[in-house]
Protein backbone atom coordinates (compact mmCIF):
# COMPACT_ATOMS: atom_id res chain seq x y z
CA MET A 1 -19.78 -43.76 -46.83
CA LYS A 2 -18.90 -39.44 -45.44
CA TYR A 3 -20.48 -36.62 -47.36
CA TYR A 4 -18.33 -33.37 -47.17
CA ILE A 5 -19.89 -30.15 -47.92
CA SER A 6 -16.53 -29.78 -50.00
CA GLN A 7 -13.78 -32.22 -50.69
CA SER A 8 -10.82 -32.20 -48.87
CA PRO A 9 -7.84 -30.52 -50.90
CA MET A 10 -5.60 -33.56 -52.57
CA ASN A 11 -2.47 -31.22 -52.68
CA PRO A 12 -0.76 -31.92 -49.40
CA VAL A 13 0.50 -27.84 -49.34
CA SER A 14 -3.18 -26.83 -49.15
CA ARG A 15 -3.75 -28.98 -46.52
CA LEU A 16 -1.47 -27.71 -44.38
CA LEU A 17 -2.30 -24.11 -45.24
CA THR A 18 -6.38 -25.29 -44.49
CA THR A 19 -4.93 -26.50 -41.03
CA LEU A 20 -3.02 -23.74 -40.07
CA VAL A 21 -5.67 -21.36 -41.30
CA ALA A 22 -7.91 -22.98 -38.95
CA ALA A 23 -6.00 -23.42 -36.19
CA LEU A 24 -5.21 -20.01 -36.26
CA SER A 25 -8.34 -19.43 -36.17
CA LEU A 26 -9.21 -21.36 -33.25
CA LEU A 27 -6.48 -19.53 -31.35
CA GLY A 28 -8.00 -16.53 -32.21
CA PHE A 29 -11.43 -17.01 -31.40
CA PHE A 30 -10.22 -18.44 -28.21
CA PHE A 31 -8.17 -15.45 -27.09
CA PHE A 32 -11.16 -12.89 -28.22
CA GLY A 33 -13.27 -14.96 -26.02
CA LEU A 34 -10.85 -14.80 -22.83
CA VAL A 35 -10.41 -10.91 -23.62
CA PHE A 36 -14.60 -10.44 -23.85
CA ALA A 37 -15.29 -12.61 -20.41
CA GLY A 38 -12.60 -10.43 -19.22
CA ILE A 39 -13.89 -7.53 -19.94
CA LEU A 40 -17.74 -8.51 -19.00
CA LEU A 41 -16.38 -10.07 -15.98
CA THR A 42 -14.22 -6.71 -14.79
CA VAL A 43 -17.92 -4.97 -15.56
CA LEU A 44 -19.98 -7.60 -13.33
CA LEU A 45 -17.60 -7.04 -10.67
CA ALA A 46 -17.61 -3.12 -10.36
CA LEU A 47 -21.34 -3.38 -10.88
CA GLY A 48 -21.48 -5.43 -8.00
CA LEU A 49 -19.04 -3.20 -5.91
CA LEU A 50 -21.19 -0.08 -6.80
CA PHE A 51 -24.24 -2.22 -5.08
CA TRP A 52 -22.62 -3.14 -2.24
CA VAL A 53 -21.57 0.07 -1.41
CA ARG A 54 -24.54 1.72 -1.92
CA SER A 55 -26.06 -0.90 -0.02
CA LEU A 56 -24.04 -0.26 2.93
CA TRP A 57 -25.05 3.41 2.30
CA LEU A 58 -28.63 2.90 2.41
CA ARG A 59 -28.09 0.89 5.83
CA ARG A 60 -26.20 3.09 7.53
CA LYS A 61 -27.22 4.59 10.31
CA PRO A 62 -27.04 8.27 11.04
CA VAL A 63 -25.41 9.92 14.01
CA ALA A 64 -27.68 12.87 15.01
CA ASN A 65 -26.64 15.33 17.86
CA PRO A 66 -29.18 14.91 20.87
CA ALA A 67 -27.90 17.61 22.40
CA SER A 68 -29.45 19.86 19.93
CA ARG A 69 -32.75 19.15 20.31
CA GLY A 70 -35.27 19.24 23.05
CA PRO A 71 -36.70 16.53 25.38
CA ALA A 72 -39.89 16.59 23.41
CA ALA A 73 -37.88 15.35 20.17
CA GLN A 74 -36.05 12.74 21.06
CA GLN A 75 -39.61 11.38 22.21
CA GLY A 76 -41.08 11.56 18.52
CA ASP A 77 -43.67 13.42 19.59
CA VAL A 78 -42.62 17.05 18.12
CA ILE A 79 -42.52 17.44 14.43
CA ASP A 80 -40.01 20.71 13.10
CA ALA A 81 -41.70 22.16 10.16
CA GLU A 82 -41.51 25.72 7.84
CA TYR A 83 -44.09 26.72 5.63
CA THR A 84 -44.78 29.42 3.35
CA VAL A 85 -48.50 30.52 2.82
CA VAL A 86 -49.40 30.16 -0.89
CA HIS A 87 -52.92 31.28 -1.04
CA ARG A 88 -55.21 32.67 1.31
CA ARG A 89 -58.85 32.33 1.30
CA HIS A 90 -61.02 35.97 1.41
CA GLU A 91 -63.72 35.08 3.53
């Protein structure tokens, strides 16, 4: 014996309307899911493209102008820096 939460309608018109409402609801949920999945895939693809471009940017090798530096700087023996004296000791 089958048990239902509610009895199925006996009237054929109400059965038809119930079937139509159920079918339209399922169809609507299906298309809503497709739209949601499309938006989600678009966002994921955009983020993936962003991270891919960022990784390419971080892996690039900057082009240095070797003529502007001396021979010691090309070998890595010189550290070029500028500084400002903030506080002097009084002895």
